[in-house]
Amino acid sequence: AAKWATQAPAFGAYLAWGNVACSYWKSPASGLPHTISAPGSLLILVAGTTNDPATPYPWAQGLAAQLSNAVLLTLDGDGHTAYMQGSACIDAAVDRYFLTGQADAGVTCADGP
């Protein structure tokens, strides 16, 4: 983290420490893209923002399509992450999922309340 902080003072240490969880994954990284299915899982909510500069929306679409039991929640807007960013529609859909485990497929919300 100290080396990363030297190279990127504003976010270096934060980004370095963000990788710690990866060292505890049960399978090693292959370095290659692969299909993810999660058979037998409870419903998984995948949220994606159409103009996300860090995680492109097609990645959210692809992940939701690969998972055995997932729905895609879309924010038609800008920015990285959607929840608690000003869209009452997104917040309600995510809250419902966290509180009940239920989510509707194909929901698209706009920026703002």
PDB file of N, CA and C in Angstrom:
ATOM      1  N   ALA A   1       0.824  -1.191   0.000  1.00  0.00           N
ATOM      2  CA  ALA A   1       0.000   0.000   0.000  1.00  0.00           C
ATOM      3  C   ALA A   1       0.875   1.264   0.000  1.00  0.00           C
ATOM      4  N   ALA A   2       2.002   1.201   0.707  1.00  0.00           N
ATOM      5  CA  ALA A   2       2.881   2.368   0.766  1.00  0.00           C
ATOM      6  C   ALA A   2       3.452   2.694  -0.618  1.00  0.00           C
ATOM      7  N   LYS A   3       3.820   1.663  -1.359  1.00  0.00           N
ATOM      8  CA  LYS A   3       4.354   1.880  -2.707  1.00  0.00           C
ATOM      9  C   LYS A   3       3.276   2.485  -3.612  1.00  0.00           C
ATOM     10  N   TRP A   4       2.062   1.950  -3.520  1.00  0.00           N
ATOM     11  CA  TRP A   4       0.965   2.474  -4.337  1.00  0.00           C
ATOM     12  C   TRP A   4       0.664   3.913  -3.949  1.00  0.00           C
ATOM     13  N   ALA A   5       0.746   4.238  -2.657  1.00  0.00           N
ATOM     14  CA  ALA A   5       0.477   5.606  -2.202  1.00  0.00           C
ATOM     15  C   ALA A   5       1.516   6.577  -2.739  1.00  0.00           C
ATOM     16  N   THR A   6       2.755   6.109  -2.884  1.00  0.00           N
ATOM     17  CA  THR A   6       3.801   6.949  -3.448  1.00  0.00           C
ATOM     18  C   THR A   6       3.506   7.255  -4.914  1.00  0.00           C
ATOM     19  N   GLN A   7       3.036   6.240  -5.630  1.00  0.00           N
ATOM     20  CA  GLN A   7       2.756   6.406  -7.058  1.00  0.00           C
ATOM     21  C   GLN A   7       1.436   7.122  -7.328  1.00  0.00           C
ATOM     22  N   ALA A   8       0.479   6.977  -6.424  1.00  0.00           N
ATOM     23  CA  ALA A   8      -0.841   7.604  -6.589  1.00  0.00           C
ATOM     24  C   ALA A   8      -1.301   8.100  -5.220  1.00  0.00           C
ATOM     25  N   PRO A   9      -0.833   9.285  -4.808  1.00  0.00           N
ATOM     26  CA  PRO A   9      -1.084   9.776  -3.450  1.00  0.00           C
ATOM     27  C   PRO A   9      -2.561   9.859  -3.046  1.00  0.00           C
ATOM     28  N   ALA A  10      -3.438  10.205  -3.959  1.00  0.00           N
ATOM     29  CA  ALA A  10      -4.842  10.391  -3.587  1.00  0.00           C
ATOM     30  C   ALA A  10      -5.554   9.068  -3.313  1.00  0.00           C
ATOM     31  N   PHE A  11      -5.305   8.046  -4.134  1.00  0.00           N
ATOM     32  CA  PHE A  11      -6.082   6.816  -4.011  1.00  0.00           C
ATOM     33  C   PHE A  11      -5.240   5.546  -3.928  1.00  0.00           C
ATOM     34  N   GLY A  12      -3.927   5.655  -4.020  1.00  0.00           N
ATOM     35  CA  GLY A  12      -3.070   4.481  -4.086  1.00  0.00           C
ATOM     36  C   GLY A  12      -3.261   3.489  -2.954  1.00  0.00           C
ATOM     37  N   ALA A  13      -3.137   3.945  -1.725  1.00  0.00           N
ATOM     38  CA  ALA A  13      -3.274   3.031  -0.583  1.00  0.00           C
ATOM     39  C   ALA A  13      -4.671   2.421  -0.536  1.00  0.00           C
ATOM     40  N   TYR A  14      -5.663   3.226  -0.793  1.00  0.00           N
ATOM     41  CA  TYR A  14      -7.046   2.740  -0.794  1.00  0.00           C
ATOM     42  C   TYR A  14      -7.215   1.615  -1.814  1.00  0.00           C
ATOM     43  N   LEU A  15      -6.701   1.816  -3.023  1.00  0.00           N
ATOM     44  CA  LEU A  15      -6.840   0.796  -4.060  1.00  0.00           C
ATOM     45  C   LEU A  15      -6.041  -0.466  -3.722  1.00  0.00           C
ATOM     46  N   ALA A  16      -4.877  -0.294  -3.155  1.00  0.00           N
ATOM     47  CA  ALA A  16      -4.063  -1.452  -2.783  1.00  0.00           C
ATOM     48  C   ALA A  16      -4.778  -2.295  -1.727  1.00  0.00           C
ATOM     49  N   TRP A  17      -5.285  -1.645  -0.681  1.00  0.00           N
ATOM     50  CA  TRP A  17      -5.979  -2.382   0.371  1.00  0.00           C
ATOM     51  C   TRP A  17      -7.282  -3.001  -0.129  1.00  0.00           C
ATOM     52  N   GLY A  18      -7.848  -2.423  -1.172  1.00  0.00           N
ATOM     53  CA  GLY A  18      -9.067  -2.984  -1.757  1.00  0.00           C
ATOM     54  C   GLY A  18      -8.859  -4.352  -2.381  1.00  0.00           C
ATOM     55  N   ASN A  19      -7.607  -4.703  -2.649  1.00  0.00           N
ATOM     56  CA  ASN A  19      -7.301  -6.003  -3.246  1.00  0.00           C
ATOM     57  C   ASN A  19      -7.101  -7.112  -2.218  1.00  0.00           C
ATOM     58  N   VAL A  20      -7.103  -6.796  -0.946  1.00  0.00           N
ATOM     59  CA  VAL A  20      -6.844  -7.797   0.086  1.00  0.00           C
ATOM     60  C   VAL A  20      -7.834  -8.956   0.011  1.00  0.00           C
ATOM     61  N   ALA A  21      -9.099  -8.670  -0.233  1.00  0.00           N
ATOM     62  CA  ALA A  21     -10.111  -9.738  -0.268  1.00  0.00           C
ATOM     63  C   ALA A  21      -9.790 -10.788  -1.329  1.00  0.00           C
ATOM     64  N   CYS A  22      -9.151 -10.392  -2.398  1.00  0.00           N
ATOM     65  CA  CYS A  22      -8.829 -11.339  -3.475  1.00  0.00           C
ATOM     66  C   CYS A  22      -7.896 -12.444  -2.994  1.00  0.00           C
ATOM     67  N   SER A  23      -7.053 -12.164  -2.012  1.00  0.00           N
ATOM     68  CA  SER A  23      -6.113 -13.173  -1.534  1.00  0.00           C
ATOM     69  C   SER A  23      -6.808 -14.288  -0.765  1.00  0.00           C
ATOM     70  N   TYR A  24      -8.071 -14.104  -0.401  1.00  0.00           N
ATOM     71  CA  TYR A  24      -8.813 -15.119   0.342  1.00  0.00           C
ATOM     72  C   TYR A  24      -9.791 -15.900  -0.531  1.00  0.00           C
ATOM     73  N   TRP A  25      -9.822 -15.643  -1.820  1.00  0.00           N
ATOM     74  CA  TRP A  25     -10.723 -16.385  -2.702  1.00  0.00           C
ATOM     75  C   TRP A  25     -10.301 -17.847  -2.715  1.00  0.00           C
ATOM     76  N   LYS A  26     -11.271 -18.725  -2.841  1.00  0.00           N
ATOM     77  CA  LYS A  26     -11.003 -20.155  -2.752  1.00  0.00           C
ATOM     78  C   LYS A  26     -10.410 -20.752  -4.021  1.00  0.00           C
ATOM     79  N   SER A  27     -10.472 -20.037  -5.134  1.00  0.00           N
ATOM     80  CA  SER A  27      -9.872 -20.558  -6.363  1.00  0.00           C
ATOM     81  C   SER A  27      -8.937 -19.498  -6.938  1.00  0.00           C
ATOM     82  N   PRO A  28      -7.843 -19.946  -7.525  1.00  0.00           N
ATOM     83  CA  PRO A  28      -6.883 -18.983  -8.063  1.00  0.00           C
ATOM     84  C   PRO A  28      -7.418 -18.299  -9.324  1.00  0.00           C
ATOM     85  N   ALA A  29      -6.949 -17.116  -9.566  1.00  0.00           N
ATOM     86  CA  ALA A  29      -7.328 -16.390 -10.775  1.00  0.00           C
ATOM     87  C   ALA A  29      -6.708 -17.072 -11.985  1.00  0.00           C
ATOM     88  N   SER A  30      -7.485 -17.185 -13.036  1.00  0.00           N
ATOM     89  CA  SER A  30      -6.973 -17.810 -14.254  1.00  0.00           C
ATOM     90  C   SER A  30      -6.412 -16.766 -15.217  1.00  0.00           C
ATOM     91  N   GLY A  31      -6.821 -15.514 -15.025  1.00  0.00           N
ATOM     92  CA  GLY A  31      -6.385 -14.466 -15.940  1.00  0.00           C
ATOM     93  C   GLY A  31      -7.174 -14.463 -17.235  1.00  0.00           C
ATOM     94  N   LEU A  32      -8.154 -15.342 -17.341  1.00  0.00           N
ATOM     95  CA  LEU A  32      -8.951 -15.446 -18.554  1.00  0.00           C
ATOM     96  C   LEU A  32     -10.429 -15.252 -18.240  1.00  0.00           C
ATOM     97  N   PRO A  33     -11.179 -14.616 -19.132  1.00  0.00           N
ATOM     98  CA  PRO A  33     -12.622 -14.495 -18.922  1.00  0.00           C
ATOM     99  C   PRO A  33     -13.264 -15.880 -18.949  1.00  0.00           C
ATOM    100  N   HIS A  34     -14.280 -16.051 -18.151  1.00  0.00           N
ATOM    101  CA  HIS A  34     -14.999 -17.313 -18.141  1.00  0.00           C
ATOM    102  C   HIS A  34     -16.453 -17.079 -17.732  1.00  0.00           C
ATOM    103  N   THR A  35     -17.284 -18.044 -18.006  1.00  0.00           N
ATOM    104  CA  THR A  35     -18.701 -17.950 -17.676  1.00  0.00           C
ATOM    105  C   THR A  35     -18.905 -18.159 -16.184  1.00  0.00           C
ATOM    106  N   ILE A  36     -19.824 -17.393 -15.620  1.00  0.00           N
ATOM    107  CA  ILE A  36     -20.191 -17.517 -14.214  1.00  0.00           C
ATOM    108  C   ILE A  36     -21.669 -17.894 -14.189  1.00  0.00           C
ATOM    109  N   SER A  37     -22.035 -18.940 -13.448  1.00  0.00           N
ATOM    110  CA  SER A  37     -23.441 -19.352 -13.478  1.00  0.00           C
ATOM    111  C   SER A  37     -24.112 -19.358 -12.114  1.00  0.00           C
ATOM    112  N   ALA A  38     -23.427 -19.694 -11.054  1.00  0.00           N
ATOM    113  CA  ALA A  38     -23.969 -19.736  -9.685  1.00  0.00           C
ATOM    114  C   ALA A  38     -25.233 -20.582  -9.583  1.00  0.00           C
ATOM    115  N   PRO A  39     -25.191 -21.827 -10.042  1.00  0.00           N
ATOM    116  CA  PRO A  39     -26.386 -22.674  -9.970  1.00  0.00           C
ATOM    117  C   PRO A  39     -26.827 -22.894  -8.531  1.00  0.00           C
ATOM    118  N   GLY A  40     -28.121 -22.880  -8.310  1.00  0.00           N
ATOM    119  CA  GLY A  40     -28.674 -23.104  -6.986  1.00  0.00           C
ATOM    120  C   GLY A  40     -28.675 -21.878  -6.087  1.00  0.00           C
ATOM    121  N   SER A  41     -28.231 -20.739  -6.580  1.00  0.00           N
ATOM    122  CA  SER A  41     -28.188 -19.537  -5.745  1.00  0.00           C
ATOM    123  C   SER A  41     -29.584 -18.962  -5.539  1.00  0.00           C
ATOM    124  N   LEU A  42     -29.703 -18.171  -4.516  1.00  0.00           N
ATOM    125  CA  LEU A  42     -30.895 -17.349  -4.373  1.00  0.00           C
ATOM    126  C   LEU A  42     -30.858 -16.296  -5.475  1.00  0.00           C
ATOM    127  N   LEU A  43     -31.923 -15.564  -5.640  1.00  0.00           N
ATOM    128  CA  LEU A  43     -31.978 -14.517  -6.656  1.00  0.00           C
ATOM    129  C   LEU A  43     -30.845 -13.511  -6.444  1.00  0.00           C
ATOM    130  N   ILE A  44     -30.165 -13.181  -7.519  1.00  0.00           N
ATOM    131  CA  ILE A  44     -29.068 -12.210  -7.490  1.00  0.00           C
ATOM    132  C   ILE A  44     -29.510 -10.971  -8.264  1.00  0.00           C
ATOM    133  N   LEU A  45     -29.375  -9.809  -7.645  1.00  0.00           N
ATOM    134  CA  LEU A  45     -29.694  -8.544  -8.298  1.00  0.00           C
ATOM    135  C   LEU A  45     -28.401  -7.942  -8.834  1.00  0.00           C
ATOM    136  N   VAL A  46     -28.346  -7.717 -10.144  1.00  0.00           N
ATOM    137  CA  VAL A  46     -27.201  -7.084 -10.780  1.00  0.00           C
ATOM    138  C   VAL A  46     -27.636  -5.685 -11.178  1.00  0.00           C
ATOM    139  N   ALA A  47     -26.952  -4.677 -10.654  1.00  0.00           N
ATOM    140  CA  ALA A  47     -27.280  -3.289 -10.985  1.00  0.00           C
ATOM    141  C   ALA A  47     -26.196  -2.728 -11.889  1.00  0.00           C
ATOM    142  N   GLY A  48     -26.618  -2.071 -12.966  1.00  0.00           N
ATOM    143  CA  GLY A  48     -25.672  -1.479 -13.888  1.00  0.00           C
ATOM    144  C   GLY A  48     -26.121  -0.089 -14.305  1.00  0.00           C
ATOM    145  N   THR A  49     -25.155   0.788 -14.546  1.00  0.00           N
ATOM    146  CA  THR A  49     -25.434   2.151 -14.989  1.00  0.00           C
ATOM    147  C   THR A  49     -24.985   2.288 -16.440  1.00  0.00           C
ATOM    148  N   THR A  50     -25.858   2.839 -17.275  1.00  0.00           N
ATOM    149  CA  THR A  50     -25.596   2.873 -18.717  1.00  0.00           C
ATOM    150  C   THR A  50     -24.328   3.638 -19.088  1.00  0.00           C
ATOM    151  N   ASN A  51     -23.965   4.649 -18.318  1.00  0.00           N
ATOM    152  CA  ASN A  51     -22.771   5.449 -18.629  1.00  0.00           C
ATOM    153  C   ASN A  51     -21.749   5.382 -17.491  1.00  0.00           C
ATOM    154  N   ASP A  52     -21.526   4.187 -16.977  1.00  0.00           N
ATOM    155  CA  ASP A  52     -20.571   3.993 -15.886  1.00  0.00           C
ATOM    156  C   ASP A  52     -19.155   4.026 -16.464  1.00  0.00           C
ATOM    157  N   PRO A  53     -18.302   4.938 -15.979  1.00  0.00           N
ATOM    158  CA  PRO A  53     -16.956   5.046 -16.529  1.00  0.00           C
ATOM    159  C   PRO A  53     -16.003   3.958 -16.038  1.00  0.00           C
ATOM    160  N   ALA A  54     -16.370   3.221 -14.983  1.00  0.00           N
ATOM    161  CA  ALA A  54     -15.465   2.219 -14.414  1.00  0.00           C
ATOM    162  C   ALA A  54     -15.861   0.793 -14.773  1.00  0.00           C
ATOM    163  N   THR A  55     -17.144   0.494 -14.751  1.00  0.00           N
ATOM    164  CA  THR A  55     -17.627  -0.842 -15.084  1.00  0.00           C
ATOM    165  C   THR A  55     -18.689  -0.697 -16.164  1.00  0.00           C
ATOM    166  N   PRO A  56     -18.319  -0.891 -17.409  1.00  0.00           N
ATOM    167  CA  PRO A  56     -19.232  -0.658 -18.526  1.00  0.00           C
ATOM    168  C   PRO A  56     -20.543  -1.442 -18.404  1.00  0.00           C
ATOM    169  N   TYR A  57     -21.613  -0.810 -18.817  1.00  0.00           N
ATOM    170  CA  TYR A  57     -22.941  -1.417 -18.738  1.00  0.00           C
ATOM    171  C   TYR A  57     -23.013  -2.793 -19.405  1.00  0.00           C
ATOM    172  N   PRO A  58     -22.357  -3.007 -20.545  1.00  0.00           N
ATOM    173  CA  PRO A  58     -22.402  -4.351 -21.130  1.00  0.00           C
ATOM    174  C   PRO A  58     -21.876  -5.440 -20.196  1.00  0.00           C
ATOM    175  N   TRP A  59     -20.998  -5.082 -19.262  1.00  0.00           N
ATOM    176  CA  TRP A  59     -20.531  -6.067 -18.286  1.00  0.00           C
ATOM    177  C   TRP A  59     -21.672  -6.488 -17.372  1.00  0.00           C
ATOM    178  N   ALA A  60     -22.490  -5.534 -16.925  1.00  0.00           N
ATOM    179  CA  ALA A  60     -23.644  -5.864 -16.082  1.00  0.00           C
ATOM    180  C   ALA A  60     -24.629  -6.730 -16.856  1.00  0.00           C
ATOM    181  N   GLN A  61     -24.872  -6.368 -18.108  1.00  0.00           N
ATOM    182  CA  GLN A  61     -25.776  -7.164 -18.941  1.00  0.00           C
ATOM    183  C   GLN A  61     -25.246  -8.594 -19.095  1.00  0.00           C
ATOM    184  N   GLY A  62     -23.964  -8.712 -19.360  1.00  0.00           N
ATOM    185  CA  GLY A  62     -23.363 -10.025 -19.542  1.00  0.00           C
ATOM    186  C   GLY A  62     -23.408 -10.864 -18.285  1.00  0.00           C
ATOM    187  N   LEU A  63     -23.115 -10.249 -17.147  1.00  0.00           N
ATOM    188  CA  LEU A  63     -23.146 -10.982 -15.886  1.00  0.00           C
ATOM    189  C   LEU A  63     -24.555 -11.472 -15.580  1.00  0.00           C
ATOM    190  N   ALA A  64     -25.534 -10.596 -15.710  1.00  0.00           N
ATOM    191  CA  ALA A  64     -26.917 -10.986 -15.432  1.00  0.00           C
ATOM    192  C   ALA A  64     -27.359 -12.118 -16.357  1.00  0.00           C
ATOM    193  N   ALA A  65     -26.921 -12.081 -17.606  1.00  0.00           N
ATOM    194  CA  ALA A  65     -27.299 -13.122 -18.559  1.00  0.00           C
ATOM    195  C   ALA A  65     -26.626 -14.463 -18.235  1.00  0.00           C
ATOM    196  N   GLN A  66     -25.414 -14.416 -17.691  1.00  0.00           N
ATOM    197  CA  GLN A  66     -24.692 -15.655 -17.377  1.00  0.00           C
ATOM    198  C   GLN A  66     -25.194 -16.334 -16.110  1.00  0.00           C
ATOM    199  N   LEU A  67     -25.597 -15.552 -15.134  1.00  0.00           N
ATOM    200  CA  LEU A  67     -26.004 -16.122 -13.854  1.00  0.00           C
ATOM    201  C   LEU A  67     -27.294 -16.930 -14.002  1.00  0.00           C
ATOM    202  N   SER A  68     -27.352 -18.025 -13.295  1.00  0.00           N
ATOM    203  CA  SER A  68     -28.502 -18.917 -13.389  1.00  0.00           C
ATOM    204  C   SER A  68     -29.786 -18.300 -12.857  1.00  0.00           C
ATOM    205  N   ASN A  69     -29.674 -17.418 -11.884  1.00  0.00           N
ATOM    206  CA  ASN A  69     -30.852 -16.869 -11.222  1.00  0.00           C
ATOM    207  C   ASN A  69     -30.614 -15.396 -10.896  1.00  0.00           C
ATOM    208  N   ALA A  70     -30.660 -14.544 -11.920  1.00  0.00           N
ATOM    209  CA  ALA A  70     -30.363 -13.127 -11.721  1.00  0.00           C
ATOM    210  C   ALA A  70     -31.315 -12.255 -12.515  1.00  0.00           C
ATOM    211  N   VAL A  71     -31.480 -11.020 -12.042  1.00  0.00           N
ATOM    212  CA  VAL A  71     -32.212  -9.995 -12.781  1.00  0.00           C
ATOM    213  C   VAL A  71     -31.325  -8.764 -12.871  1.00  0.00           C
ATOM    214  N   LEU A  72     -31.515  -8.008 -13.952  1.00  0.00           N
ATOM    215  CA  LEU A  72     -30.731  -6.803 -14.182  1.00  0.00           C
ATOM    216  C   LEU A  72     -31.557  -5.575 -13.839  1.00  0.00           C
ATOM    217  N   LEU A  73     -31.005  -4.718 -13.007  1.00  0.00           N
ATOM    218  CA  LEU A  73     -31.585  -3.420 -12.658  1.00  0.00           C
ATOM    219  C   LEU A  73     -30.712  -2.368 -13.323  1.00  0.00           C
ATOM    220  N   THR A  74     -31.318  -1.507 -14.127  1.00  0.00           N
ATOM    221  CA  THR A  74     -30.558  -0.540 -14.924  1.00  0.00           C
ATOM    222  C   THR A  74     -30.820   0.887 -14.468  1.00  0.00           C
ATOM    223  N   LEU A  75     -29.740   1.655 -14.308  1.00  0.00           N
ATOM    224  CA  LEU A  75     -29.850   3.090 -14.126  1.00  0.00           C
ATOM    225  C   LEU A  75     -29.462   3.736 -15.442  1.00  0.00           C
ATOM    226  N   ASP A  76     -30.406   4.401 -16.076  1.00  0.00           N
ATOM    227  CA  ASP A  76     -30.129   5.125 -17.311  1.00  0.00           C
ATOM    228  C   ASP A  76     -29.558   6.477 -16.903  1.00  0.00           C
ATOM    229  N   GLY A  77     -28.246   6.505 -16.726  1.00  0.00           N
ATOM    230  CA  GLY A  77     -27.612   7.721 -16.234  1.00  0.00           C
ATOM    231  C   GLY A  77     -26.109   7.597 -16.225  1.00  0.00           C
ATOM    232  N   ASP A  78     -25.475   8.467 -15.460  1.00  0.00           N
ATOM    233  CA  ASP A  78     -24.020   8.574 -15.407  1.00  0.00           C
ATOM    234  C   ASP A  78     -23.503   8.198 -14.031  1.00  0.00           C
ATOM    235  N   GLY A  79     -22.224   7.849 -13.982  1.00  0.00           N
ATOM    236  CA  GLY A  79     -21.549   7.626 -12.716  1.00  0.00           C
ATOM    237  C   GLY A  79     -21.311   6.158 -12.421  1.00  0.00           C
ATOM    238  N   HIS A  80     -20.426   5.934 -11.465  1.00  0.00           N
ATOM    239  CA  HIS A  80     -20.092   4.584 -11.028  1.00  0.00           C
ATOM    240  C   HIS A  80     -20.929   4.255  -9.803  1.00  0.00           C
ATOM    241  N   THR A  81     -21.666   3.229  -9.874  1.00  0.00           N
ATOM    242  CA  THR A  81     -22.642   2.741  -8.894  1.00  0.00           C
ATOM    243  C   THR A  81     -23.958   3.506  -9.025  1.00  0.00           C
ATOM    244  N   ALA A  82     -25.015   2.873  -8.606  1.00  0.00           N
ATOM    245  CA  ALA A  82     -26.339   3.452  -8.773  1.00  0.00           C
ATOM    246  C   ALA A  82     -27.051   3.688  -7.446  1.00  0.00           C
ATOM    247  N   TYR A  83     -26.844   2.807  -6.496  1.00  0.00           N
ATOM    248  CA  TYR A  83     -27.585   2.858  -5.229  1.00  0.00           C
ATOM    249  C   TYR A  83     -27.170   4.075  -4.394  1.00  0.00           C
ATOM    250  N   MET A  84     -28.155   4.744  -3.838  1.00  0.00           N
ATOM    251  CA  MET A  84     -27.943   5.912  -2.974  1.00  0.00           C
ATOM    252  C   MET A  84     -27.212   7.042  -3.708  1.00  0.00           C
ATOM    253  N   GLN A  85     -27.506   7.199  -4.985  1.00  0.00           N
ATOM    254  CA  GLN A  85     -26.888   8.250  -5.783  1.00  0.00           C
ATOM    255  C   GLN A  85     -27.913   9.232  -6.329  1.00  0.00           C
ATOM    256  N   GLY A  86     -29.142   9.203  -5.800  1.00  0.00           N
ATOM    257  CA  GLY A  86     -30.131  10.193  -6.195  1.00  0.00           C
ATOM    258  C   GLY A  86     -31.308   9.669  -6.991  1.00  0.00           C
ATOM    259  N   SER A  87     -31.352   8.381  -7.292  1.00  0.00           N
ATOM    260  CA  SER A  87     -32.491   7.817  -8.007  1.00  0.00           C
ATOM    261  C   SER A  87     -33.391   7.075  -7.023  1.00  0.00           C
ATOM    262  N   ALA A  88     -34.550   7.650  -6.750  1.00  0.00           N
ATOM    263  CA  ALA A  88     -35.502   7.008  -5.825  1.00  0.00           C
ATOM    264  C   ALA A  88     -35.938   5.651  -6.367  1.00  0.00           C
ATOM    265  N   CYS A  89     -36.031   5.517  -7.672  1.00  0.00           N
ATOM    266  CA  CYS A  89     -36.419   4.263  -8.314  1.00  0.00           C
ATOM    267  C   CYS A  89     -35.392   3.163  -8.030  1.00  0.00           C
ATOM    268  N   ILE A  90     -34.123   3.465  -8.213  1.00  0.00           N
ATOM    269  CA  ILE A  90     -33.054   2.494  -7.939  1.00  0.00           C
ATOM    270  C   ILE A  90     -33.042   2.142  -6.457  1.00  0.00           C
ATOM    271  N   ASP A  91     -33.092   3.165  -5.613  1.00  0.00           N
ATOM    272  CA  ASP A  91     -33.036   2.927  -4.174  1.00  0.00           C
ATOM    273  C   ASP A  91     -34.186   2.035  -3.713  1.00  0.00           C
ATOM    274  N   ALA A  92     -35.381   2.264  -4.230  1.00  0.00           N
ATOM    275  CA  ALA A  92     -36.542   1.446  -3.849  1.00  0.00           C
ATOM    276  C   ALA A  92     -36.361  -0.002  -4.315  1.00  0.00           C
ATOM    277  N   ALA A  93     -35.855  -0.186  -5.530  1.00  0.00           N
ATOM    278  CA  ALA A  93     -35.665  -1.543  -6.053  1.00  0.00           C
ATOM    279  C   ALA A  93     -34.600  -2.300  -5.254  1.00  0.00           C
ATOM    280  N   VAL A  94     -33.504  -1.634  -4.927  1.00  0.00           N
ATOM    281  CA  VAL A  94     -32.436  -2.281  -4.159  1.00  0.00           C
ATOM    282  C   VAL A  94     -32.902  -2.544  -2.726  1.00  0.00           C
ATOM    283  N   ASP A  95     -33.570  -1.582  -2.109  1.00  0.00           N
ATOM    284  CA  ASP A  95     -34.091  -1.787  -0.754  1.00  0.00           C
ATOM    285  C   ASP A  95     -35.044  -2.976  -0.721  1.00  0.00           C
ATOM    286  N   ARG A  96     -35.918  -3.061  -1.704  1.00  0.00           N
ATOM    287  CA  ARG A  96     -36.873  -4.174  -1.769  1.00  0.00           C
ATOM    288  C   ARG A  96     -36.125  -5.503  -1.848  1.00  0.00           C
ATOM    289  N   TYR A  97     -35.093  -5.552  -2.672  1.00  0.00           N
ATOM    290  CA  TYR A  97     -34.301  -6.771  -2.810  1.00  0.00           C
ATOM    291  C   TYR A  97     -33.638  -7.144  -1.477  1.00  0.00           C
ATOM    292  N   PHE A  98     -33.009  -6.166  -0.830  1.00  0.00           N
ATOM    293  CA  PHE A  98     -32.342  -6.451   0.442  1.00  0.00           C
ATOM    294  C   PHE A  98     -33.329  -6.856   1.536  1.00  0.00           C
ATOM    295  N   LEU A  99     -34.506  -6.262   1.535  1.00  0.00           N
ATOM    296  CA  LEU A  99     -35.479  -6.532   2.594  1.00  0.00           C
ATOM    297  C   LEU A  99     -36.319  -7.779   2.355  1.00  0.00           C
ATOM    298  N   THR A 100     -36.561  -8.117   1.089  1.00  0.00           N
ATOM    299  CA  THR A 100     -37.467  -9.237   0.795  1.00  0.00           C
ATOM    300  C   THR A 100     -36.838 -10.348  -0.041  1.00  0.00           C
ATOM    301  N   GLY A 101     -35.704 -10.062  -0.686  1.00  0.00           N
ATOM    302  CA  GLY A 101     -35.103 -11.041  -1.582  1.00  0.00           C
ATOM    303  C   GLY A 101     -35.775 -11.083  -2.944  1.00  0.00           C
ATOM    304  N   GLN A 102     -36.676 -10.152  -3.202  1.00  0.00           N
ATOM    305  CA  GLN A 102     -37.406 -10.131  -4.467  1.00  0.00           C
ATOM    306  C   GLN A 102     -36.954  -8.955  -5.320  1.00  0.00           C
ATOM    307  N   ALA A 103     -36.983  -9.181  -6.636  1.00  0.00           N
ATOM    308  CA  ALA A 103     -36.644  -8.126  -7.592  1.00  0.00           C
ATOM    309  C   ALA A 103     -37.318  -8.453  -8.923  1.00  0.00           C
ATOM    310  N   ASP A 104     -37.749  -7.416  -9.605  1.00  0.00           N
ATOM    311  CA  ASP A 104     -38.377  -7.587 -10.905  1.00  0.00           C
ATOM    312  C   ASP A 104     -37.335  -7.487 -12.006  1.00  0.00           C
ATOM    313  N   ALA A 105     -37.483  -8.324 -13.022  1.00  0.00           N
ATOM    314  CA  ALA A 105     -36.569  -8.295 -14.160  1.00  0.00           C
ATOM    315  C   ALA A 105     -36.901  -7.131 -15.076  1.00  0.00           C
ATOM    316  N   GLY A 106     -35.870  -6.577 -15.702  1.00  0.00           N
ATOM    317  CA  GLY A 106     -36.069  -5.572 -16.736  1.00  0.00           C
ATOM    318  C   GLY A 106     -36.425  -4.191 -16.262  1.00  0.00           C
ATOM    319  N   VAL A 107     -36.139  -3.854 -15.007  1.00  0.00           N
ATOM    320  CA  VAL A 107     -36.456  -2.524 -14.489  1.00  0.00           C
ATOM    321  C   VAL A 107     -35.372  -1.541 -14.917  1.00  0.00           C
ATOM    322  N   THR A 108     -35.795  -0.407 -15.497  1.00  0.00           N
ATOM    323  CA  THR A 108     -34.885   0.671 -15.860  1.00  0.00           C
ATOM    324  C   THR A 108     -35.336   1.940 -15.164  1.00  0.00           C
ATOM    325  N   CYS A 109     -34.413   2.599 -14.495  1.00  0.00           N
ATOM    326  CA  CYS A 109     -34.692   3.816 -13.769  1.00  0.00           C
ATOM    327  C   CYS A 109     -33.856   4.954 -14.357  1.00  0.00           C
ATOM    328  N   ALA A 110     -34.283   6.174 -14.105  1.00  0.00           N
ATOM    329  CA  ALA A 110     -33.566   7.352 -14.575  1.00  0.00           C
ATOM    330  C   ALA A 110     -32.835   8.018 -13.416  1.00  0.00           C
ATOM    331  N   ASP A 111     -31.870   8.877 -13.756  1.00  0.00           N
ATOM    332  CA  ASP A 111     -31.201   9.697 -12.737  1.00  0.00           C
ATOM    333  C   ASP A 111     -32.229  10.552 -12.022  1.00  0.00           C
ATOM    334  N   GLY A 112     -31.941  10.907 -10.807  1.00  0.00           N
ATOM    335  CA  GLY A 112     -32.796  11.825 -10.063  1.00  0.00           C
ATOM    336  C   GLY A 112     -33.942  11.120  -9.381  1.00  0.00           C
ATOM    337  N   PRO A 113     -34.674  11.850  -8.570  1.00  0.00           N
ATOM    338  CA  PRO A 113     -35.766  11.257  -7.781  1.00  0.00           C
ATOM    339  C   PRO A 113     -36.874  10.846  -8.655  1.00  0.00           C
TER     340      PRO A 113
END
